[in-house]
Amino acid sequence: MAIIVRISAMSLLLFVSCTGEQQESVEVSFDPEHTYTMKTTNVSTLVSDSGITRYRANAKEWLIFEKANDPYWYFPEGIYLEQFDTLFQVKASIKADTAYYYKKQELWKGIGNVEMRSLDNEYFTTSLIYWDQKSQKIYSDQYIRIEQQDKVITGIGFESNQSMTEYNIFNTTGIFPINETPADTTQTEKQAGPDN
């Protein structure tokens, strides 16, 4: 009986001493604008719209800020996007060093060494591009260079459909090939005649 009383007393003392310890708390600030809610690495995903696969996205790192006032995705190490037609052929592609996607606006923003390729195999380069999925427009207010099969066009500012097949370039300049073959002057001399 004395042993049981001693064990009970020791257990009680142990319990009291453990619960009497001071606990320290650390305050952690949570900034929803700069604290991601999900991080994914080595992403390769297909995105569907209305049950049809429309896009493929590849990225080394994907951070989601779901609790921000304006929820967004951030791709700090760049992204590569492809858009498909109904036959799964690539209609257009965009690659950027850094990218953001703003969910509410359905707006993509590509920054730094942006490269795009259209269905017509035109090659576009710029430093900043926006892709508004709601209006189905791609645009920029920065310098843009477009390489076509037979010419190069540059400008400041650009607006296009999302397939990049119909576009306007603002403040344009260009490099166009010139045929440097000498003109046939014999036809001109015959038409003028010997009396002229």
Protein backbone atom coordinates (compact mmCIF):
# COMPACT_ATOMS: atom_id res chain seq x y z
CA MET A 1 0.00 0.00 0.00
CA ALA A 2 2.88 2.38 0.84
CA ILE A 3 4.40 1.66 -2.58
CA ILE A 4 1.16 2.63 -4.33
CA VAL A 5 1.00 5.89 -2.33
CA ARG A 6 4.63 6.71 -3.22
CA ILE A 7 4.07 6.02 -6.94
CA SER A 8 0.91 8.14 -6.92
CA ALA A 9 2.74 11.00 -5.15
CA MET A 10 5.65 10.88 -7.62
CA SER A 11 3.28 10.85 -10.58
CA LEU A 12 1.43 13.85 -9.17
CA LEU A 13 4.70 15.75 -8.61
CA LEU A 14 5.87 14.90 -12.13
CA PHE A 15 2.56 16.03 -13.59
CA VAL A 16 2.62 19.30 -11.65
CA SER A 17 6.24 20.03 -12.58
CA CYS A 18 5.59 19.40 -16.30
CA THR A 19 2.51 21.58 -16.46
CA GLY A 20 4.16 24.38 -14.51
CA GLU A 21 6.80 25.01 -17.19
CA GLN A 22 6.69 28.36 -18.90
CA GLN A 23 5.84 28.15 -22.57
CA GLU A 24 7.22 30.59 -25.07
CA SER A 25 5.24 31.66 -28.09
CA VAL A 26 6.64 33.13 -31.25
CA GLU A 27 4.63 35.57 -33.29
CA VAL A 28 4.64 34.80 -36.98
CA SER A 29 3.45 37.45 -39.38
CA PHE A 30 1.59 36.25 -42.41
CA ASP A 31 1.53 38.57 -45.40
CA PRO A 32 -0.86 37.02 -47.91
CA GLU A 33 0.52 39.25 -50.67
CA HIS A 34 4.02 37.77 -50.29
CA THR A 35 3.49 34.35 -48.68
CA TYR A 36 2.62 31.56 -51.07
CA THR A 37 -0.01 28.98 -50.20
CA MET A 38 1.40 26.31 -52.51
CA LYS A 39 4.73 25.62 -54.19
CA THR A 40 5.27 23.13 -56.99
CA THR A 41 8.52 22.32 -58.78
CA ASN A 42 9.23 20.82 -62.21
CA VAL A 43 5.71 21.43 -63.50
CA SER A 44 4.40 20.01 -66.75
CA THR A 45 0.64 20.24 -67.01
CA LEU A 46 -2.19 20.35 -69.53
CA VAL A 47 -4.94 22.93 -69.07
CA SER A 48 -8.44 22.39 -70.42
CA ASP A 49 -11.22 24.83 -71.21
CA SER A 50 -14.80 23.54 -71.48
CA GLY A 51 -13.51 19.96 -71.37
CA ILE A 52 -11.08 20.46 -74.28
CA THR A 53 -7.31 20.52 -73.76
CA ARG A 54 -6.20 23.98 -74.84
CA TYR A 55 -2.78 24.63 -73.26
CA ARG A 56 0.38 22.99 -72.00
CA ALA A 57 2.50 24.71 -69.35
CA ASN A 58 6.06 23.81 -68.31
CA ALA A 59 7.86 25.56 -65.43
CA LYS A 60 10.69 24.83 -62.98
CA GLU A 61 8.85 26.49 -60.09
CA TRP A 62 5.21 27.52 -59.58
CA LEU A 63 4.14 29.54 -56.54
CA ILE A 64 0.45 30.16 -55.81
CA PHE A 65 -0.67 33.15 -53.73
CA GLU A 66 -4.28 32.15 -53.18
CA LYS A 67 -4.86 34.39 -50.12
CA ALA A 68 -3.67 37.62 -51.76
CA ASN A 69 -6.27 40.34 -52.37
CA ASP A 70 -5.84 39.66 -56.07
CA PRO A 71 -4.87 35.93 -56.15
CA TYR A 72 -2.02 35.20 -58.51
CA TRP A 73 0.47 32.59 -59.66
CA TYR A 74 4.17 33.35 -59.90
CA PHE A 75 6.75 31.56 -62.04
CA PRO A 76 10.11 32.99 -60.84
CA GLU A 77 12.24 30.76 -63.07
CA GLY A 78 10.18 31.23 -66.20
CA ILE A 79 7.44 29.43 -68.07
CA TYR A 80 6.80 27.87 -71.47
CA LEU A 81 3.17 27.84 -72.72
CA GLU A 82 1.72 26.21 -75.81
CA GLN A 83 -1.78 26.77 -77.17
CA PHE A 84 -3.47 23.93 -79.07
CA ASP A 85 -6.16 23.91 -81.72
CA THR A 86 -8.94 21.28 -81.74
CA LEU A 87 -6.61 18.79 -83.47
CA PHE A 88 -3.92 19.28 -80.75
CA GLN A 89 -1.60 21.10 -83.13
CA VAL A 90 0.37 23.93 -81.54
CA LYS A 91 -1.22 27.22 -82.62
CA ALA A 92 1.15 29.46 -80.70
CA SER A 93 3.77 29.34 -77.99
CA ILE A 94 5.14 31.81 -75.45
CA LYS A 95 8.29 31.55 -73.36
CA ALA A 96 9.37 34.08 -70.70
CA ASP A 97 12.10 34.37 -68.04
CA THR A 98 9.52 35.26 -65.37
CA ALA A 99 5.71 35.12 -65.46
CA TYR A 100 2.63 35.99 -63.46
CA TYR A 101 -0.97 34.87 -63.86
CA TYR A 102 -3.69 36.99 -62.23
CA LYS A 103 -6.68 34.70 -61.67
CA LYS A 104 -9.51 37.25 -61.38
CA GLN A 105 -8.50 39.09 -64.54
CA GLU A 106 -7.43 35.90 -66.38
CA LEU A 107 -4.32 37.84 -67.34
CA TRP A 108 -0.82 36.47 -68.01
CA LYS A 109 2.25 38.70 -67.77
CA GLY A 110 5.59 37.56 -69.24
CA ILE A 111 8.77 39.45 -68.38
CA GLY A 112 12.33 39.32 -69.74
CA ASN A 113 13.46 37.57 -72.94
CA VAL A 114 9.92 36.84 -74.08
CA GLU A 115 9.83 34.65 -77.19
CA MET A 116 6.66 33.80 -79.11
CA ARG A 117 5.97 31.72 -82.18
CA SER A 118 2.76 31.89 -84.21
CA LEU A 119 0.93 29.34 -86.31
CA ASP A 120 2.35 31.12 -89.37
CA ASN A 121 5.85 30.40 -88.00
CA GLU A 122 6.55 34.05 -87.26
CA TYR A 123 8.98 34.64 -84.40
CA PHE A 124 8.33 37.48 -81.93
CA THR A 125 10.72 38.78 -79.24
CA THR A 126 10.14 41.46 -76.60
CA SER A 127 10.85 42.17 -72.93
CA LEU A 128 7.24 42.37 -71.71
CA ILE A 129 4.02 40.77 -72.90
CA TYR A 130 0.44 40.53 -71.63
CA TRP A 131 -2.04 37.82 -72.62
CA ASP A 132 -5.63 38.66 -71.70
CA GLN A 133 -7.58 35.42 -71.91
CA LYS A 134 -10.95 37.17 -71.42
CA SER A 135 -10.53 39.42 -74.45
CA GLN A 136 -8.31 36.83 -76.23
CA LYS A 137 -5.69 39.49 -76.91
CA ILE A 138 -1.90 39.59 -76.59
CA TYR A 139 -0.28 43.01 -76.24
CA SER A 140 2.78 44.97 -75.15
CA ASP A 141 3.87 48.61 -74.91
CA GLN A 142 7.57 47.71 -75.23
CA TYR A 143 9.97 47.23 -78.14
CA ILE A 144 9.03 44.19 -80.23
CA ARG A 145 10.81 42.42 -83.08
CA ILE A 146 8.97 40.15 -85.52
CA GLU A 147 10.87 37.88 -87.87
CA GLN A 148 8.88 36.73 -90.87
CA GLN A 149 10.07 34.51 -93.68
CA ASP A 150 11.16 37.41 -95.90
CA LYS A 151 11.38 40.43 -93.59
CA VAL A 152 11.96 41.76 -90.06
CA ILE A 153 9.58 44.30 -88.52
CA THR A 154 10.22 46.19 -85.29
CA GLY A 155 8.19 48.68 -83.31
CA ILE A 156 7.22 50.04 -79.93
CA GLY A 157 3.90 48.55 -78.91
CA PHE A 158 2.01 45.56 -80.24
CA GLU A 159 -1.51 44.09 -80.16
CA SER A 160 -2.64 40.73 -81.52
CA ASN A 161 -5.26 38.01 -81.36
CA GLN A 162 -4.15 35.15 -79.09
CA SER A 163 -3.10 32.99 -82.06
CA MET A 164 -0.82 35.84 -83.20
CA THR A 165 -2.10 35.62 -86.75
CA GLU A 166 -3.66 39.12 -86.90
CA TYR A 167 -1.72 41.92 -85.25
CA ASN A 168 -0.88 45.62 -85.25
CA ILE A 169 2.58 47.02 -84.52
CA PHE A 170 2.90 50.62 -83.43
CA ASN A 171 5.79 53.01 -84.23
CA THR A 172 7.08 50.55 -86.80
CA THR A 173 10.32 50.23 -88.69
CA GLY A 174 11.40 47.32 -90.84
CA ILE A 175 14.04 45.56 -92.84
CA PHE A 176 12.73 44.45 -96.21
CA PRO A 177 14.62 42.59 -98.93
CA ILE A 178 15.35 44.59 -102.08
CA ASN A 179 15.88 42.99 -105.44
CA GLU A 180 19.25 44.36 -106.56
CA THR A 181 19.10 42.88 -110.07
CA PRO A 182 19.68 45.69 -112.62
CA ALA A 183 16.55 46.73 -114.47
CA ASP A 184 16.26 45.82 -118.16
CA THR A 185 16.83 49.22 -119.79
CA THR A 186 16.53 47.93 -123.38
CA GLN A 187 12.71 47.85 -123.09
CA THR A 188 12.65 51.48 -121.90
CA GLU A 189 14.89 52.67 -124.77
CA LYS A 190 12.76 50.88 -127.40
CA GLN A 191 9.56 52.44 -126.06
CA ALA A 192 11.07 55.92 -126.07
CA GLY A 193 12.27 55.51 -129.69
CA PRO A 194 15.36 56.98 -131.40
CA ASP A 195 13.84 60.47 -131.86
CA ASN A 196 13.47 61.19 -128.13
